Amino acid sequence: MNSLLRRCILTLAAPAALGVRLAVAAPAAPLKLPEFESLAAKASESVNVSLDSSLLGLAAGFLDPKDPQDAGAKQLIAGLKGIYVRNYTFDRDITYPAAEVEALRRQLAAPGWQSLVKVRKEKDHTNVDIYISVDQGKANGLAIIVSEPREFTVVNIVGAIDLEKLRRLEGKFGVPKIPLPDDDHPGGAPAPAHP
């Protein structure tokens, strides 16, 4: 994932840090992700993660309770109903199936979903859309769609989401790692990823 997605994820923390309360009824079910068969056929690498609440509980058992990051991730997923990730990487620039992507965006136009971040970078043909589902002032769903010429990613997290703690899921359950600038690295260089 590039720095654009990292900045967008950081933007997610702003409403939580400010205590912003959004009030609308929100859907509790996961999005109906298209099959993306044409993308899978063209991809040099594809990732398909579908973890409902029972599988999340099973997966949480593999986290190391002695590792603070794993312990934090385990605490965070306790309130989740599902994590769904589709990621496709390509060896060359491709054209995305407009019908499938638009079908996904139509679901996010339904009552209960709100567009939180929308980035369009024409120069490098990158689009990032981040949506949040809110019910009684609490986030209960998150959807991220990132399209780049050689990569396409959809992330849907369903359930009680603490936006301040969301970073604990990076690198786990198919949620991509997001390198962030570190004070120990001059010039805002990304901190090294931890295994």
N, C-alpha and C. Protein backbone atom coordinates (compact mmCIF):
# COMPACT_ATOMS: atom_id res chain seq x y z
N MET A 1 0.85 -1.18 0.00
CA MET A 1 0.00 0.00 0.00
C MET A 1 0.89 1.24 0.00
N ASN A 2 0.43 2.26 -0.64
CA ASN A 2 1.26 3.45 -0.77
C ASN A 2 0.98 4.48 0.33
N SER A 3 1.73 5.57 0.27
CA SER A 3 1.59 6.60 1.31
C SER A 3 0.23 7.28 1.26
N LEU A 4 -0.42 7.29 0.11
CA LEU A 4 -1.75 7.87 0.01
C LEU A 4 -2.73 7.12 0.89
N LEU A 5 -2.70 5.79 0.82
CA LEU A 5 -3.60 5.00 1.66
C LEU A 5 -3.25 5.21 3.13
N ARG A 6 -1.96 5.29 3.46
CA ARG A 6 -1.54 5.52 4.83
C ARG A 6 -2.14 6.83 5.35
N ARG A 7 -2.08 7.90 4.55
CA ARG A 7 -2.64 9.19 4.97
C ARG A 7 -4.14 9.09 5.17
N CYS A 8 -4.80 8.33 4.30
CA CYS A 8 -6.25 8.17 4.42
C CYS A 8 -6.61 7.43 5.70
N ILE A 9 -5.84 6.40 6.04
CA ILE A 9 -6.11 5.66 7.27
C ILE A 9 -5.91 6.56 8.48
N LEU A 10 -4.87 7.40 8.43
CA LEU A 10 -4.66 8.34 9.53
C LEU A 10 -5.84 9.29 9.68
N THR A 11 -6.46 9.63 8.57
CA THR A 11 -7.62 10.51 8.60
C THR A 11 -8.77 9.88 9.38
N LEU A 12 -8.82 8.56 9.38
CA LEU A 12 -9.87 7.86 10.11
C LEU A 12 -9.82 8.16 11.60
N ALA A 13 -8.64 8.35 12.12
CA ALA A 13 -8.49 8.59 13.55
C ALA A 13 -9.00 9.97 13.96
N ALA A 14 -9.05 10.91 13.03
CA ALA A 14 -9.45 12.28 13.37
C ALA A 14 -10.86 12.35 13.96
N PRO A 15 -11.88 11.75 13.34
CA PRO A 15 -13.21 11.84 13.97
C PRO A 15 -13.23 11.21 15.35
N ALA A 16 -12.50 10.12 15.54
CA ALA A 16 -12.49 9.47 16.85
C ALA A 16 -11.80 10.36 17.87
N ALA A 17 -10.68 10.95 17.49
CA ALA A 17 -9.93 11.78 18.42
C ALA A 17 -10.72 13.02 18.82
N LEU A 18 -11.52 13.53 17.92
CA LEU A 18 -12.31 14.72 18.21
C LEU A 18 -13.65 14.37 18.88
N GLY A 19 -13.92 13.08 19.01
CA GLY A 19 -15.17 12.67 19.64
C GLY A 19 -16.38 12.97 18.77
N VAL A 20 -16.19 12.97 17.46
CA VAL A 20 -17.29 13.26 16.55
C VAL A 20 -18.34 12.17 16.67
N ARG A 21 -19.56 12.60 16.82
CA ARG A 21 -20.67 11.65 16.90
C ARG A 21 -21.55 11.83 15.67
N LEU A 22 -21.64 10.76 14.91
CA LEU A 22 -22.48 10.76 13.73
C LEU A 22 -23.71 9.91 14.05
N ALA A 23 -24.88 10.38 13.72
CA ALA A 23 -26.07 9.65 14.12
C ALA A 23 -26.91 9.26 12.91
N VAL A 24 -26.82 8.01 12.54
CA VAL A 24 -27.69 7.43 11.52
C VAL A 24 -27.78 5.94 11.82
N ALA A 25 -28.85 5.33 11.36
CA ALA A 25 -28.97 3.89 11.52
C ALA A 25 -28.07 3.24 10.49
N ALA A 26 -27.31 2.24 10.90
CA ALA A 26 -26.33 1.65 10.01
C ALA A 26 -26.55 0.15 9.87
N PRO A 27 -26.25 -0.36 8.68
CA PRO A 27 -26.37 -1.79 8.47
C PRO A 27 -25.32 -2.55 9.26
N ALA A 28 -25.70 -3.71 9.80
CA ALA A 28 -24.77 -4.50 10.58
C ALA A 28 -24.17 -5.65 9.77
N ALA A 29 -24.71 -5.90 8.60
CA ALA A 29 -24.25 -7.02 7.79
C ALA A 29 -23.05 -6.63 6.95
N PRO A 30 -22.22 -7.60 6.57
CA PRO A 30 -21.10 -7.29 5.69
C PRO A 30 -21.60 -6.91 4.30
N LEU A 31 -20.76 -6.21 3.57
CA LEU A 31 -21.09 -5.89 2.19
C LEU A 31 -21.12 -7.17 1.37
N LYS A 32 -21.89 -7.16 0.31
CA LYS A 32 -21.89 -8.28 -0.62
C LYS A 32 -20.79 -7.99 -1.64
N LEU A 33 -19.61 -8.53 -1.40
CA LEU A 33 -18.49 -8.27 -2.28
C LEU A 33 -18.66 -9.05 -3.57
N PRO A 34 -18.48 -8.38 -4.71
CA PRO A 34 -18.55 -9.09 -5.98
C PRO A 34 -17.47 -10.17 -6.05
N GLU A 35 -17.63 -11.11 -6.94
CA GLU A 35 -16.65 -12.18 -7.09
C GLU A 35 -15.32 -11.68 -7.67
N PHE A 36 -15.35 -10.61 -8.43
CA PHE A 36 -14.15 -10.06 -9.07
C PHE A 36 -13.40 -11.14 -9.85
N GLU A 37 -14.15 -12.02 -10.54
CA GLU A 37 -13.53 -13.11 -11.29
C GLU A 37 -12.57 -12.61 -12.36
N SER A 38 -12.93 -11.52 -13.04
CA SER A 38 -12.05 -11.02 -14.09
C SER A 38 -10.74 -10.48 -13.51
N LEU A 39 -10.81 -9.90 -12.31
CA LEU A 39 -9.58 -9.43 -11.66
C LEU A 39 -8.72 -10.61 -11.23
N ALA A 40 -9.34 -11.61 -10.64
CA ALA A 40 -8.60 -12.79 -10.18
C ALA A 40 -7.90 -13.47 -11.35
N ALA A 41 -8.56 -13.51 -12.51
CA ALA A 41 -7.97 -14.16 -13.67
C ALA A 41 -6.74 -13.41 -14.20
N LYS A 42 -6.70 -12.09 -14.03
CA LYS A 42 -5.58 -11.29 -14.52
C LYS A 42 -4.49 -11.09 -13.48
N ALA A 43 -4.78 -11.38 -12.23
CA ALA A 43 -3.86 -11.06 -11.13
C ALA A 43 -2.67 -12.00 -11.08
N SER A 44 -1.51 -11.41 -10.75
CA SER A 44 -0.33 -12.23 -10.50
C SER A 44 -0.37 -12.75 -9.07
N GLU A 45 -1.12 -12.06 -8.22
CA GLU A 45 -1.31 -12.48 -6.84
C GLU A 45 -2.68 -12.02 -6.39
N SER A 46 -3.39 -12.88 -5.68
CA SER A 46 -4.69 -12.47 -5.15
C SER A 46 -4.83 -12.98 -3.72
N VAL A 47 -5.53 -12.18 -2.91
CA VAL A 47 -5.78 -12.51 -1.52
C VAL A 47 -7.28 -12.39 -1.30
N ASN A 48 -7.88 -13.41 -0.71
CA ASN A 48 -9.30 -13.42 -0.43
C ASN A 48 -9.47 -13.87 1.02
N VAL A 49 -9.82 -12.93 1.89
CA VAL A 49 -10.00 -13.23 3.30
C VAL A 49 -11.46 -13.00 3.65
N SER A 50 -12.10 -14.02 4.23
CA SER A 50 -13.49 -13.91 4.68
C SER A 50 -13.58 -14.54 6.07
N LEU A 51 -13.53 -13.68 7.08
CA LEU A 51 -13.60 -14.16 8.45
C LEU A 51 -14.87 -13.64 9.12
N ASP A 52 -15.84 -14.53 9.34
CA ASP A 52 -17.02 -14.12 10.09
C ASP A 52 -16.69 -14.19 11.58
N SER A 53 -17.66 -13.92 12.45
CA SER A 53 -17.36 -13.83 13.88
C SER A 53 -16.81 -15.14 14.44
N SER A 54 -17.32 -16.29 13.99
CA SER A 54 -16.81 -17.56 14.52
C SER A 54 -15.38 -17.82 14.06
N LEU A 55 -15.08 -17.50 12.82
CA LEU A 55 -13.71 -17.68 12.33
C LEU A 55 -12.76 -16.67 12.95
N LEU A 56 -13.25 -15.46 13.24
CA LEU A 56 -12.41 -14.47 13.93
C LEU A 56 -12.03 -14.97 15.32
N GLY A 57 -13.00 -15.57 16.01
CA GLY A 57 -12.72 -16.12 17.33
C GLY A 57 -11.68 -17.23 17.26
N LEU A 58 -11.79 -18.07 16.24
CA LEU A 58 -10.82 -19.14 16.05
C LEU A 58 -9.44 -18.56 15.72
N ALA A 59 -9.40 -17.58 14.82
CA ALA A 59 -8.14 -16.94 14.44
C ALA A 59 -7.50 -16.22 15.62
N ALA A 60 -8.31 -15.63 16.48
CA ALA A 60 -7.79 -14.91 17.64
C ALA A 60 -7.01 -15.85 18.56
N GLY A 61 -7.37 -17.13 18.53
CA GLY A 61 -6.67 -18.11 19.34
C GLY A 61 -5.21 -18.30 18.93
N PHE A 62 -4.88 -17.90 17.70
CA PHE A 62 -3.51 -18.03 17.22
C PHE A 62 -2.65 -16.81 17.56
N LEU A 63 -3.27 -15.77 18.11
CA LEU A 63 -2.51 -14.58 18.49
C LEU A 63 -1.80 -14.83 19.81
N ASP A 64 -0.59 -14.30 19.92
CA ASP A 64 0.23 -14.49 21.12
C ASP A 64 -0.19 -13.49 22.19
N PRO A 65 -0.78 -13.94 23.30
CA PRO A 65 -1.23 -13.01 24.34
C PRO A 65 -0.08 -12.28 25.03
N LYS A 66 1.15 -12.80 24.89
CA LYS A 66 2.32 -12.15 25.49
C LYS A 66 2.85 -11.01 24.62
N ASP A 67 2.46 -11.00 23.35
CA ASP A 67 2.88 -9.93 22.44
C ASP A 67 1.87 -8.79 22.57
N PRO A 68 2.31 -7.59 22.96
CA PRO A 68 1.36 -6.48 23.16
C PRO A 68 0.53 -6.15 21.91
N GLN A 69 1.14 -6.24 20.73
CA GLN A 69 0.37 -5.96 19.51
C GLN A 69 -0.70 -7.02 19.28
N ASP A 70 -0.33 -8.28 19.47
CA ASP A 70 -1.31 -9.35 19.30
C ASP A 70 -2.41 -9.25 20.34
N ALA A 71 -2.04 -8.92 21.58
CA ALA A 71 -3.04 -8.78 22.65
C ALA A 71 -4.02 -7.66 22.31
N GLY A 72 -3.49 -6.55 21.79
CA GLY A 72 -4.34 -5.43 21.39
C GLY A 72 -5.26 -5.80 20.24
N ALA A 73 -4.73 -6.55 19.27
CA ALA A 73 -5.55 -6.99 18.14
C ALA A 73 -6.65 -7.92 18.61
N LYS A 74 -6.31 -8.81 19.54
CA LYS A 74 -7.30 -9.74 20.07
C LYS A 74 -8.44 -9.00 20.77
N GLN A 75 -8.08 -7.97 21.54
CA GLN A 75 -9.09 -7.16 22.23
C GLN A 75 -9.97 -6.44 21.21
N LEU A 76 -9.37 -5.93 20.15
CA LEU A 76 -10.12 -5.20 19.14
C LEU A 76 -11.09 -6.10 18.39
N ILE A 77 -10.65 -7.30 18.02
CA ILE A 77 -11.53 -8.16 17.23
C ILE A 77 -12.65 -8.77 18.06
N ALA A 78 -12.57 -8.66 19.38
CA ALA A 78 -13.64 -9.21 20.23
C ALA A 78 -14.99 -8.60 19.86
N GLY A 79 -15.03 -7.35 19.42
CA GLY A 79 -16.29 -6.71 19.08
C GLY A 79 -16.63 -6.77 17.60
N LEU A 80 -15.81 -7.46 16.82
CA LEU A 80 -16.05 -7.50 15.37
C LEU A 80 -16.91 -8.69 14.98
N LYS A 81 -17.67 -8.49 13.92
CA LYS A 81 -18.50 -9.55 13.36
C LYS A 81 -17.88 -10.13 12.10
N GLY A 82 -16.90 -9.43 11.52
CA GLY A 82 -16.27 -9.95 10.31
C GLY A 82 -15.20 -9.05 9.75
N ILE A 83 -14.24 -9.68 9.08
CA ILE A 83 -13.22 -8.97 8.32
C ILE A 83 -13.18 -9.62 6.95
N TYR A 84 -13.34 -8.81 5.92
CA TYR A 84 -13.40 -9.30 4.55
C TYR A 84 -12.43 -8.48 3.71
N VAL A 85 -11.48 -9.15 3.06
CA VAL A 85 -10.46 -8.46 2.28
C VAL A 85 -10.35 -9.12 0.92
N ARG A 86 -10.29 -8.30 -0.11
CA ARG A 86 -9.99 -8.77 -1.47
C ARG A 86 -8.86 -7.89 -1.97
N ASN A 87 -7.77 -8.53 -2.38
CA ASN A 87 -6.63 -7.78 -2.88
C ASN A 87 -6.08 -8.49 -4.10
N TYR A 88 -5.87 -7.72 -5.16
CA TYR A 88 -5.36 -8.26 -6.41
C TYR A 88 -4.18 -7.41 -6.86
N THR A 89 -3.07 -8.07 -7.18
CA THR A 89 -1.88 -7.40 -7.67
C THR A 89 -1.62 -7.88 -9.08
N PHE A 90 -1.19 -6.96 -9.95
CA PHE A 90 -1.02 -7.26 -11.37
C PHE A 90 0.40 -6.91 -11.83
N ASP A 91 0.86 -7.62 -12.85
CA ASP A 91 2.18 -7.36 -13.42
C ASP A 91 2.17 -6.19 -14.40
N ARG A 92 0.98 -5.79 -14.82
CA ARG A 92 0.85 -4.66 -15.75
C ARG A 92 -0.38 -3.85 -15.37
N ASP A 93 -0.48 -2.64 -15.90
CA ASP A 93 -1.65 -1.81 -15.65
C ASP A 93 -2.88 -2.50 -16.21
N ILE A 94 -3.98 -2.45 -15.48
CA ILE A 94 -5.22 -3.07 -15.95
C ILE A 94 -6.38 -2.09 -15.83
N THR A 95 -7.48 -2.45 -16.47
CA THR A 95 -8.73 -1.71 -16.36
C THR A 95 -9.65 -2.51 -15.44
N TYR A 96 -10.21 -1.85 -14.44
CA TYR A 96 -11.06 -2.54 -13.48
C TYR A 96 -12.45 -2.75 -14.03
N PRO A 97 -13.11 -3.84 -13.63
CA PRO A 97 -14.48 -4.09 -14.09
C PRO A 97 -15.44 -3.07 -13.47
N ALA A 98 -15.81 -2.09 -14.25
CA ALA A 98 -16.62 -0.96 -13.75
C ALA A 98 -17.92 -1.43 -13.11
N ALA A 99 -18.58 -2.43 -13.68
CA ALA A 99 -19.87 -2.87 -13.16
C ALA A 99 -19.74 -3.42 -11.74
N GLU A 100 -18.70 -4.22 -11.49
CA GLU A 100 -18.52 -4.80 -10.16
C GLU A 100 -18.15 -3.73 -9.13
N VAL A 101 -17.28 -2.81 -9.52
CA VAL A 101 -16.87 -1.75 -8.60
C VAL A 101 -18.05 -0.83 -8.30
N GLU A 102 -18.84 -0.51 -9.31
CA GLU A 102 -20.01 0.34 -9.08
C GLU A 102 -21.07 -0.36 -8.24
N ALA A 103 -21.22 -1.67 -8.40
CA ALA A 103 -22.16 -2.43 -7.55
C ALA A 103 -21.75 -2.33 -6.08
N LEU A 104 -20.47 -2.36 -5.84
CA LEU A 104 -19.96 -2.20 -4.48
C LEU A 104 -20.22 -0.79 -3.97
N ARG A 105 -19.95 0.22 -4.79
CA ARG A 105 -20.17 1.61 -4.38
C ARG A 105 -21.66 1.90 -4.15
N ARG A 106 -22.55 1.24 -4.90
CA ARG A 106 -24.00 1.43 -4.69
C ARG A 106 -24.40 0.96 -3.29
N GLN A 107 -23.82 -0.13 -2.83
CA GLN A 107 -24.11 -0.60 -1.47
C GLN A 107 -23.69 0.45 -0.45
N LEU A 108 -22.59 1.13 -0.73
CA LEU A 108 -22.06 2.13 0.19
C LEU A 108 -22.82 3.46 0.10
N ALA A 109 -23.72 3.57 -0.86
CA ALA A 109 -24.56 4.76 -0.98
C ALA A 109 -25.86 4.58 -0.19
N ALA A 110 -26.06 3.39 0.35
CA ALA A 110 -27.28 3.09 1.11
C ALA A 110 -27.28 3.86 2.43
N PRO A 111 -28.48 4.09 2.98
CA PRO A 111 -28.54 4.75 4.29
C PRO A 111 -27.70 4.00 5.32
N GLY A 112 -27.03 4.76 6.15
CA GLY A 112 -26.18 4.18 7.18
C GLY A 112 -24.70 4.26 6.86
N TRP A 113 -24.36 4.32 5.58
CA TRP A 113 -22.96 4.47 5.18
C TRP A 113 -22.69 5.93 4.85
N GLN A 114 -21.55 6.41 5.27
CA GLN A 114 -21.14 7.78 4.97
C GLN A 114 -19.73 7.77 4.39
N SER A 115 -19.54 8.57 3.35
CA SER A 115 -18.22 8.71 2.77
C SER A 115 -17.36 9.53 3.73
N LEU A 116 -16.23 8.97 4.13
CA LEU A 116 -15.35 9.64 5.07
C LEU A 116 -14.17 10.29 4.34
N VAL A 117 -13.60 9.57 3.37
CA VAL A 117 -12.46 10.06 2.60
C VAL A 117 -12.65 9.65 1.15
N LYS A 118 -12.38 10.58 0.25
CA LYS A 118 -12.42 10.28 -1.17
C LYS A 118 -11.23 10.99 -1.80
N VAL A 119 -10.30 10.22 -2.36
CA VAL A 119 -9.09 10.77 -2.96
C VAL A 119 -9.01 10.31 -4.40
N ARG A 120 -8.76 11.25 -5.29
CA ARG A 120 -8.56 10.95 -6.70
C ARG A 120 -7.24 11.58 -7.12
N LYS A 121 -6.30 10.75 -7.55
CA LYS A 121 -5.00 11.24 -8.02
C LYS A 121 -4.90 10.87 -9.50
N GLU A 122 -5.23 11.84 -10.34
CA GLU A 122 -5.24 11.59 -11.78
C GLU A 122 -3.86 11.26 -12.32
N LYS A 123 -2.82 11.89 -11.76
CA LYS A 123 -1.47 11.69 -12.28
C LYS A 123 -1.06 10.22 -12.25
N ASP A 124 -1.30 9.56 -11.13
CA ASP A 124 -0.91 8.14 -11.05
C ASP A 124 -2.11 7.19 -11.05
N HIS A 125 -3.28 7.71 -11.41
CA HIS A 125 -4.51 6.90 -11.56
C HIS A 125 -4.82 6.09 -10.30
N THR A 126 -4.77 6.78 -9.16
CA THR A 126 -5.06 6.14 -7.88
C THR A 126 -6.34 6.73 -7.30
N ASN A 127 -7.21 5.86 -6.84
CA ASN A 127 -8.46 6.27 -6.19
C ASN A 127 -8.55 5.57 -4.84
N VAL A 128 -8.93 6.33 -3.82
CA VAL A 128 -9.14 5.77 -2.49
C VAL A 128 -10.49 6.27 -2.00
N ASP A 129 -11.32 5.34 -1.56
CA ASP A 129 -12.61 5.67 -0.97
C ASP A 129 -12.69 4.97 0.38
N ILE A 130 -13.01 5.73 1.43
CA ILE A 130 -13.19 5.15 2.75
C ILE A 130 -14.58 5.55 3.24
N TYR A 131 -15.34 4.55 3.63
CA TYR A 131 -16.70 4.75 4.12
C TYR A 131 -16.79 4.21 5.53
N ILE A 132 -17.67 4.83 6.31
CA ILE A 132 -17.90 4.38 7.67
C ILE A 132 -19.41 4.19 7.87
N SER A 133 -19.73 3.17 8.62
CA SER A 133 -21.11 2.90 8.99
C SER A 133 -21.23 3.22 10.47
N VAL A 134 -22.22 4.05 10.81
CA VAL A 134 -22.36 4.52 12.18
C VAL A 134 -23.78 4.25 12.66
N ASP A 135 -23.88 3.77 13.91
CA ASP A 135 -25.18 3.54 14.52
C ASP A 135 -25.13 4.10 15.93
N GLN A 136 -26.02 5.02 16.24
CA GLN A 136 -26.10 5.66 17.55
C GLN A 136 -24.75 6.22 18.00
N GLY A 137 -24.08 6.87 17.07
CA GLY A 137 -22.82 7.54 17.37
C GLY A 137 -21.61 6.64 17.47
N LYS A 138 -21.74 5.36 17.14
CA LYS A 138 -20.62 4.44 17.22
C LYS A 138 -20.39 3.78 15.87
N ALA A 139 -19.11 3.70 15.50
CA ALA A 139 -18.76 3.06 14.23
C ALA A 139 -19.03 1.57 14.33
N ASN A 140 -19.77 1.04 13.35
CA ASN A 140 -20.02 -0.40 13.33
C ASN A 140 -19.70 -1.02 11.98
N GLY A 141 -19.00 -0.28 11.14
CA GLY A 141 -18.59 -0.82 9.86
C GLY A 141 -17.62 0.12 9.17
N LEU A 142 -16.72 -0.45 8.41
CA LEU A 142 -15.73 0.33 7.67
C LEU A 142 -15.51 -0.34 6.34
N ALA A 143 -15.44 0.45 5.29
CA ALA A 143 -15.14 -0.09 3.97
C ALA A 143 -14.08 0.79 3.31
N ILE A 144 -13.10 0.14 2.72
CA ILE A 144 -12.02 0.84 2.03
C ILE A 144 -11.90 0.24 0.64
N ILE A 145 -11.90 1.11 -0.37
CA ILE A 145 -11.69 0.68 -1.75
C ILE A 145 -10.50 1.46 -2.28
N VAL A 146 -9.46 0.74 -2.71
CA VAL A 146 -8.27 1.39 -3.26
C VAL A 146 -8.00 0.79 -4.63
N SER A 147 -7.95 1.65 -5.63
CA SER A 147 -7.60 1.17 -6.96
C SER A 147 -6.40 1.94 -7.48
N GLU A 148 -5.41 1.19 -7.90
CA GLU A 148 -4.20 1.71 -8.50
C GLU A 148 -4.01 0.95 -9.80
N PRO A 149 -3.17 1.44 -10.69
CA PRO A 149 -3.01 0.75 -11.98
C PRO A 149 -2.64 -0.73 -11.86
N ARG A 150 -1.88 -1.09 -10.82
CA ARG A 150 -1.44 -2.48 -10.68
C ARG A 150 -1.87 -3.15 -9.39
N GLU A 151 -2.83 -2.54 -8.70
CA GLU A 151 -3.33 -3.16 -7.48
C GLU A 151 -4.75 -2.67 -7.19
N PHE A 152 -5.58 -3.59 -6.70
CA PHE A 152 -6.95 -3.27 -6.34
C PHE A 152 -7.24 -3.94 -5.00
N THR A 153 -7.75 -3.17 -4.04
CA THR A 153 -8.01 -3.70 -2.70
C THR A 153 -9.36 -3.23 -2.19
N VAL A 154 -10.08 -4.15 -1.57
CA VAL A 154 -11.32 -3.84 -0.86
C VAL A 154 -11.19 -4.44 0.53
N VAL A 155 -11.44 -3.62 1.55
CA VAL A 155 -11.45 -4.09 2.93
C VAL A 155 -12.81 -3.72 3.53
N ASN A 156 -13.47 -4.69 4.15
CA ASN A 156 -14.74 -4.44 4.84
C ASN A 156 -14.62 -5.02 6.24
N ILE A 157 -14.70 -4.15 7.24
CA ILE A 157 -14.65 -4.58 8.63
C ILE A 157 -16.04 -4.31 9.21
N VAL A 158 -16.64 -5.35 9.82
CA VAL A 158 -18.00 -5.27 10.33
C VAL A 158 -18.00 -5.48 11.83
N GLY A 159 -18.69 -4.61 12.56
CA GLY A 159 -18.81 -4.74 14.00
C GLY A 159 -18.36 -3.47 14.69
N ALA A 160 -18.33 -3.52 16.01
CA ALA A 160 -17.94 -2.36 16.81
C ALA A 160 -16.47 -2.04 16.53
N ILE A 161 -16.22 -0.85 16.02
CA ILE A 161 -14.87 -0.46 15.63
C ILE A 161 -14.43 0.74 16.44
N ASP A 162 -13.31 0.58 17.12
CA ASP A 162 -12.67 1.68 17.82
C ASP A 162 -11.63 2.23 16.85
N LEU A 163 -11.92 3.37 16.26
CA LEU A 163 -11.04 3.91 15.23
C LEU A 163 -9.63 4.18 15.73
N GLU A 164 -9.50 4.52 17.00
CA GLU A 164 -8.18 4.79 17.55
C GLU A 164 -7.35 3.51 17.64
N LYS A 165 -8.00 2.37 17.78
CA LYS A 165 -7.28 1.10 17.94
C LYS A 165 -7.21 0.30 16.64
N LEU A 166 -7.79 0.81 15.58
CA LEU A 166 -7.88 0.08 14.33
C LEU A 166 -6.51 -0.35 13.80
N ARG A 167 -5.49 0.45 14.02
CA ARG A 167 -4.15 0.12 13.53
C ARG A 167 -3.63 -1.20 14.08
N ARG A 168 -4.18 -1.67 15.17
CA ARG A 168 -3.72 -2.94 15.75
C ARG A 168 -4.02 -4.12 14.83
N LEU A 169 -4.93 -3.94 13.88
CA LEU A 169 -5.25 -5.03 12.96
C LEU A 169 -4.32 -5.09 11.76
N GLU A 170 -3.51 -4.06 11.54
CA GLU A 170 -2.66 -4.06 10.35
C GLU A 170 -1.72 -5.26 10.36
N GLY A 171 -1.62 -5.89 9.21
CA GLY A 171 -0.76 -7.06 9.08
C GLY A 171 -1.37 -8.33 9.63
N LYS A 172 -2.61 -8.27 10.12
CA LYS A 172 -3.27 -9.44 10.65
C LYS A 172 -4.60 -9.64 9.91
N PHE A 173 -4.96 -10.88 9.71
CA PHE A 173 -6.25 -11.24 9.08
C PHE A 173 -6.41 -10.64 7.69
N GLY A 174 -5.32 -10.41 6.98
CA GLY A 174 -5.39 -9.88 5.63
C GLY A 174 -5.46 -8.38 5.55
N VAL A 175 -5.55 -7.69 6.67
CA VAL A 175 -5.57 -6.22 6.67
C VAL A 175 -4.15 -5.76 6.38
N PRO A 176 -3.95 -4.93 5.34
CA PRO A 176 -2.59 -4.56 4.94
C PRO A 176 -1.85 -3.76 6.01
N LYS A 177 -0.51 -3.95 6.05
CA LYS A 177 0.33 -3.15 6.94
C LYS A 177 0.41 -1.75 6.39
N ILE A 178 0.41 -0.78 7.28
CA ILE A 178 0.47 0.62 6.88
C ILE A 178 1.67 1.26 7.57
N PRO A 179 2.81 1.41 6.86
CA PRO A 179 3.98 2.01 7.48
C PRO A 179 3.73 3.48 7.78
N LEU A 180 4.05 3.89 9.00
CA LEU A 180 3.84 5.27 9.41
C LEU A 180 5.16 5.93 9.74
N PRO A 181 5.26 7.24 9.57
CA PRO A 181 6.49 7.93 9.94
C PRO A 181 6.77 7.73 11.42
N ASP A 182 8.05 7.68 11.74
CA ASP A 182 8.47 7.44 13.12
C ASP A 182 9.43 8.55 13.51
N ASP A 183 9.31 9.05 14.72
CA ASP A 183 10.18 10.12 15.19
C ASP A 183 11.65 9.71 15.19
N ASP A 184 11.92 8.40 15.31
CA ASP A 184 13.29 7.92 15.33
C ASP A 184 13.93 7.88 13.95
N HIS A 185 13.14 8.14 12.92
CA HIS A 185 13.66 8.09 11.55
C HIS A 185 13.58 9.48 10.95
N PRO A 186 14.72 10.13 10.77
CA PRO A 186 14.73 11.50 10.25
C PRO A 186 13.99 11.61 8.93
N GLY A 187 13.37 12.75 8.74
CA GLY A 187 12.68 13.03 7.48
C GLY A 187 11.37 12.31 7.35
N GLY A 188 10.86 11.76 8.45
CA GLY A 188 9.56 11.09 8.38
C GLY A 188 9.61 9.76 7.67
N ALA A 189 10.79 9.14 7.60
CA ALA A 189 10.90 7.84 6.93
C ALA A 189 10.05 6.85 7.68
N PRO A 190 9.48 5.88 6.96
CA PRO A 190 8.65 4.88 7.61
C PRO A 190 9.45 4.05 8.60
N ALA A 191 8.81 3.69 9.68
CA ALA A 191 9.43 2.80 10.65
C ALA A 191 9.52 1.43 10.03
N PRO A 192 10.53 0.63 10.37
CA PRO A 192 10.63 -0.71 9.82
C PRO A 192 9.45 -1.54 10.28
N ALA A 193 8.99 -2.42 9.39
CA ALA A 193 7.85 -3.29 9.72
C ALA A 193 8.33 -4.32 10.72
N HIS A 194 7.46 -4.65 11.67
CA HIS A 194 7.78 -5.67 12.66
C HIS A 194 7.16 -6.97 12.20
N PRO A 195 7.90 -8.06 12.26
CA PRO A 195 7.37 -9.36 11.79
C PRO A 195 6.21 -9.84 12.61
